[in-house]
Protein backbone atom coordinates (compact mmCIF):
# COMPACT_ATOMS: atom_id res chain seq x y z
CA MET A 1 -18.21 -71.62 13.56
CA THR A 2 -20.47 -69.02 11.95
CA LYS A 3 -19.54 -66.34 9.44
CA LYS A 4 -20.26 -63.74 12.13
CA GLN A 5 -17.73 -65.36 14.48
CA LEU A 6 -15.13 -65.53 11.71
CA ARG A 7 -15.71 -61.86 10.95
CA ALA A 8 -14.99 -61.04 14.59
CA HIS A 9 -11.66 -62.89 14.32
CA LEU A 10 -10.86 -60.93 11.15
CA GLU A 11 -11.69 -57.64 12.83
CA ALA A 12 -9.25 -58.53 15.62
CA TYR A 13 -6.73 -59.86 13.07
CA GLU A 14 -6.69 -63.25 14.80
CA LEU A 15 -5.76 -65.31 11.78
CA THR A 16 -4.00 -68.07 13.71
CA ALA A 17 -7.26 -68.79 15.52
CA ILE A 18 -9.01 -69.11 12.17
CA ALA A 19 -6.36 -71.52 10.88
CA GLU A 20 -6.73 -73.67 13.99
CA LEU A 21 -10.48 -73.85 13.44
CA ALA A 22 -10.00 -74.75 9.77
CA ALA A 23 -7.86 -77.74 10.75
CA GLN A 24 -10.96 -79.23 12.38
CA ARG A 25 -14.03 -77.77 10.67
CA GLY A 26 -14.84 -77.87 6.99
CA ARG A 27 -17.10 -74.81 6.72
CA VAL A 28 -14.38 -72.30 7.56
CA LEU A 29 -13.03 -72.07 4.01
CA SER A 30 -16.48 -71.54 2.50
CA HIS A 31 -17.29 -68.84 5.04
CA LEU A 32 -14.01 -67.06 4.30
CA VAL A 33 -14.78 -67.02 0.57
CA GLY A 34 -18.12 -65.45 1.42
CA LEU A 35 -16.41 -62.79 3.51
CA THR A 36 -14.33 -61.66 0.51
CA TYR A 37 -17.55 -60.09 -0.80
CA GLU A 38 -17.66 -57.74 2.22
CA GLY A 39 -18.09 -54.06 1.49
CA ASP A 40 -15.42 -53.39 4.11
CA LEU A 41 -12.24 -53.79 2.05
CA LEU A 42 -10.05 -54.46 5.07
CA ILE A 43 -12.23 -57.37 6.16
CA ALA A 44 -12.30 -58.71 2.61
CA TRP A 45 -8.51 -58.63 2.35
CA ARG A 46 -8.02 -60.18 5.75
CA ALA A 47 -10.39 -62.95 4.65
CA ILE A 48 -8.18 -63.54 1.63
CA GLU A 49 -5.08 -63.77 3.80
CA ALA A 50 -6.86 -65.99 6.32
CA PHE A 51 -8.03 -68.30 3.52
CA GLY A 52 -4.42 -69.15 2.66
CA LEU A 53 -3.54 -69.95 6.26
CA ALA A 54 -6.76 -71.87 6.83
CA ALA A 55 -6.37 -73.87 3.62
CA ALA A 56 -2.81 -74.79 4.58
CA ALA A 57 -4.02 -76.06 7.96
CA ALA A 58 -6.89 -77.98 6.37
CA ALA A 59 -4.57 -79.44 3.72
CA ASP A 60 -2.34 -80.99 6.35
CA ARG A 61 -5.38 -83.02 7.36
CA ASP A 62 -7.06 -83.54 3.98
CA PRO A 63 -5.33 -82.20 0.82
CA GLU A 64 -8.12 -83.37 -1.46
CA PHE A 65 -10.62 -81.27 0.48
CA VAL A 66 -8.59 -78.16 -0.34
CA ARG A 67 -8.12 -79.23 -3.96
CA GLY A 68 -11.91 -79.32 -4.22
CA HIS A 69 -12.07 -75.70 -3.04
CA LEU A 70 -9.37 -74.67 -5.51
CA ARG A 71 -11.20 -76.37 -8.38
CA ARG A 72 -14.38 -74.55 -7.39
CA LEU A 73 -12.57 -71.21 -7.33
CA LEU A 74 -11.32 -71.82 -10.87
CA TRP A 75 -14.84 -72.78 -11.91
CA LEU A 76 -16.19 -69.57 -10.37
CA LEU A 77 -13.92 -67.60 -12.68
CA SER A 78 -15.97 -68.79 -15.64
CA ASP A 79 -19.20 -67.29 -16.93
CA GLU A 80 -20.64 -70.80 -17.07
CA SER A 81 -20.59 -71.02 -13.28
CA GLY A 82 -23.31 -68.41 -12.99
CA GLY A 83 -21.62 -66.97 -9.87
CA ILE A 84 -18.38 -65.07 -10.31
CA CYS A 85 -15.91 -65.07 -7.42
CA TRP A 86 -14.16 -61.73 -7.90
CA HIS A 87 -11.25 -62.61 -5.61
CA ALA A 88 -10.64 -66.17 -6.81
CA PRO A 89 -7.12 -65.44 -8.17
CA GLU A 90 -6.03 -63.87 -4.88
CA LEU A 91 -7.45 -66.79 -2.90
CA ILE A 92 -5.66 -69.35 -5.07
CA GLY A 93 -2.44 -67.36 -4.82
CA GLU A 94 -2.62 -67.32 -1.03
CA VAL A 95 -3.00 -71.11 -0.89
CA LEU A 96 -0.05 -71.60 -3.26
CA HIS A 97 1.98 -69.16 -1.19
CA HIS A 98 1.66 -71.46 1.82
CA ARG A 99 1.66 -74.89 0.11
CA PRO A 100 3.35 -74.41 -3.28
CA THR A 101 4.51 -77.99 -3.75
CA MET A 102 1.26 -79.60 -2.67
CA PHE A 103 -0.87 -77.50 -5.02
CA ALA A 104 1.59 -76.71 -7.82
CA PRO A 105 -0.82 -77.82 -10.62
CA PHE A 106 -3.04 -74.84 -9.79
CA ALA A 107 -0.34 -72.28 -10.61
CA PRO A 108 -0.70 -72.41 -14.44
CA PRO A 109 -4.49 -71.88 -14.47
CA MET A 110 -4.09 -69.00 -12.01
CA VAL A 111 -1.53 -67.39 -14.32
CA ALA A 112 -3.81 -68.04 -17.30
CA VAL A 113 -6.36 -65.66 -15.79
CA LEU A 114 -4.20 -62.90 -17.31
CA ASP A 115 -4.97 -64.41 -20.71
CA LEU A 116 -8.76 -64.40 -20.45
CA GLU A 117 -10.81 -63.01 -23.31
CA ALA A 118 -10.66 -59.24 -23.63
CA GLU A 119 -14.11 -58.61 -22.15
CA ASP A 120 -13.33 -60.66 -19.03
CA ALA A 121 -9.63 -60.03 -18.34
CA PRO A 122 -9.80 -56.47 -16.90
CA ARG A 123 -12.01 -57.58 -14.00
CA PHE A 124 -9.46 -60.13 -12.81
CA ARG A 125 -6.12 -58.75 -13.98
CA ALA A 126 -5.11 -57.02 -10.73
CA GLY A 127 -6.19 -60.03 -8.67
CA ALA A 128 -4.23 -62.43 -10.84
CA LEU A 129 -1.13 -60.27 -10.48
CA TRP A 130 -1.60 -60.22 -6.72
CA GLY A 131 -1.78 -64.03 -6.70
CA ILE A 132 1.28 -64.35 -8.93
CA GLY A 133 3.20 -61.98 -6.68
CA ARG A 134 2.35 -64.02 -3.61
CA VAL A 135 3.48 -67.26 -5.22
CA ALA A 136 6.66 -65.58 -6.47
CA GLU A 137 7.63 -64.84 -2.85
CA ARG A 138 7.91 -68.56 -2.10
CA ALA A 139 8.05 -70.53 -5.35
CA PRO A 140 8.98 -68.47 -8.43
CA ASP A 141 9.86 -71.70 -10.22
CA LEU A 142 6.14 -72.42 -10.55
CA LEU A 143 5.61 -69.29 -12.64
CA GLY A 144 7.53 -69.95 -15.82
CA THR A 145 4.47 -69.19 -17.93
CA ALA A 146 3.80 -65.89 -16.16
CA ILE A 147 6.51 -63.59 -17.50
CA PRO A 148 5.13 -63.12 -21.07
CA LEU A 149 1.73 -62.30 -19.57
CA VAL A 150 2.92 -60.06 -16.73
CA ALA A 151 5.26 -57.79 -18.71
CA PRO A 152 2.53 -56.32 -20.98
CA CYS A 153 0.58 -55.33 -17.87
CA LEU A 154 3.15 -52.57 -17.29
CA ASP A 155 1.34 -50.64 -20.03
CA ASP A 156 -2.17 -51.25 -18.69
CA PRO A 157 -4.36 -48.13 -18.31
CA ASP A 158 -5.21 -49.17 -14.73
CA PRO A 159 -2.51 -48.01 -12.27
CA GLN A 160 -3.42 -50.88 -9.92
CA VAL A 161 -2.45 -53.31 -12.67
CA ARG A 162 0.74 -51.45 -13.59
CA GLY A 163 1.89 -51.31 -9.98
CA LEU A 164 1.20 -54.96 -9.25
CA ALA A 165 2.91 -55.99 -12.49
CA ALA A 166 6.02 -54.17 -11.28
CA VAL A 167 5.79 -55.98 -7.94
CA CYS A 168 5.53 -59.34 -9.72
CA LEU A 169 8.55 -58.71 -11.93
CA GLY A 170 10.62 -57.63 -8.94
CA ARG A 171 9.75 -60.80 -7.06
CA LEU A 172 10.53 -62.87 -10.14
CA GLY A 173 14.00 -61.35 -10.24
CA LEU A 174 13.25 -59.31 -13.36
CA GLY A 175 13.33 -55.81 -11.95
CA ALA A 176 15.98 -54.92 -14.54
CA LEU A 177 13.19 -54.78 -17.13
CA LEU A 178 11.95 -51.62 -15.40
CA ALA A 179 15.26 -49.81 -14.94
CA ARG A 180 14.97 -47.71 -18.11
CA GLN A 181 11.21 -47.23 -18.17
CA SER A 182 11.11 -43.62 -17.00
CA GLN A 183 7.36 -43.31 -17.60
CA LEU A 184 6.85 -46.11 -15.07
CA LEU A 185 9.48 -44.99 -12.57
CA ASP A 186 7.95 -41.49 -12.55
CA ASP A 187 4.33 -42.69 -12.47
CA SER A 188 2.58 -40.95 -9.57
CA ARG A 189 -0.73 -42.77 -9.86
CA ARG A 190 -1.76 -44.53 -6.66
CA VAL A 191 -2.02 -48.26 -5.95
CA LEU A 192 -3.91 -49.77 -3.01
CA LEU A 193 -1.93 -52.51 -1.26
CA TYR A 194 -2.71 -54.96 1.51
CA ARG A 195 0.27 -55.49 3.79
CA GLU A 196 0.60 -57.03 7.25
CA GLY A 197 -3.10 -56.91 8.00
CA GLY A 198 -3.67 -53.34 6.82
CA LEU A 199 -4.34 -51.30 3.69
CA THR A 200 -1.77 -48.83 2.46
CA VAL A 201 -1.15 -46.75 -0.63
CA ALA A 202 1.94 -46.49 -2.83
CA THR A 203 2.55 -44.98 -6.24
CA VAL A 204 3.29 -47.02 -9.33
CA GLY A 205 6.68 -45.32 -9.43
CA GLN A 206 7.53 -46.32 -5.88
CA LEU A 207 6.67 -49.95 -6.63
CA ALA A 208 8.73 -49.85 -9.83
CA HIS A 209 11.75 -48.46 -7.96
CA GLU A 210 11.36 -51.21 -5.32
CA ALA A 211 11.27 -53.83 -8.09
CA VAL A 212 14.45 -52.46 -9.67
CA ALA A 213 16.20 -52.48 -6.30
CA ALA A 214 15.15 -56.09 -5.70
CA ARG A 215 16.80 -57.47 -8.85
């Protein structure tokens, strides 16, 4: 299976086919990571989603193989690696979304991305929040260390970060924290979201209202 063939599956949104291939062939996960660097944002996001499904399928055959990929993603978040993987937090979050119990030890280091040194954190903050939000949908109990790091993101200058922080708190059952934050509820800045295979836009305020309603 070549990267070009995988891209064709992503274009057609045939993620089940990719997962079936990953259950048998080891290169699929590496190719999907490579496709997250695509200039086409839709393809990059579909590659992220497909990575979670493919890793789950591969883990049912060989969990240690997937652990190796997760360790490498964490390594690629460091300057020492010499090759930053910009979407590593999202990729890790997708795997934990599908196999939270199997890969629970990777939740704390994913959350810790929010606590990187000041010069590094902004590049990964939105991605880490995305990953936390995905895990919170299935296994919020894995995210006990997240709340003190997520809440301050509501004041981040980047609307993408503010919006995703609101999403995380809603999924963690803490939407009440937003109920009286009028500056957030009235925030009209836009946030790009990936949902159900497509890209959409919402405002920070809309996401905050959704989080409050979810409490």
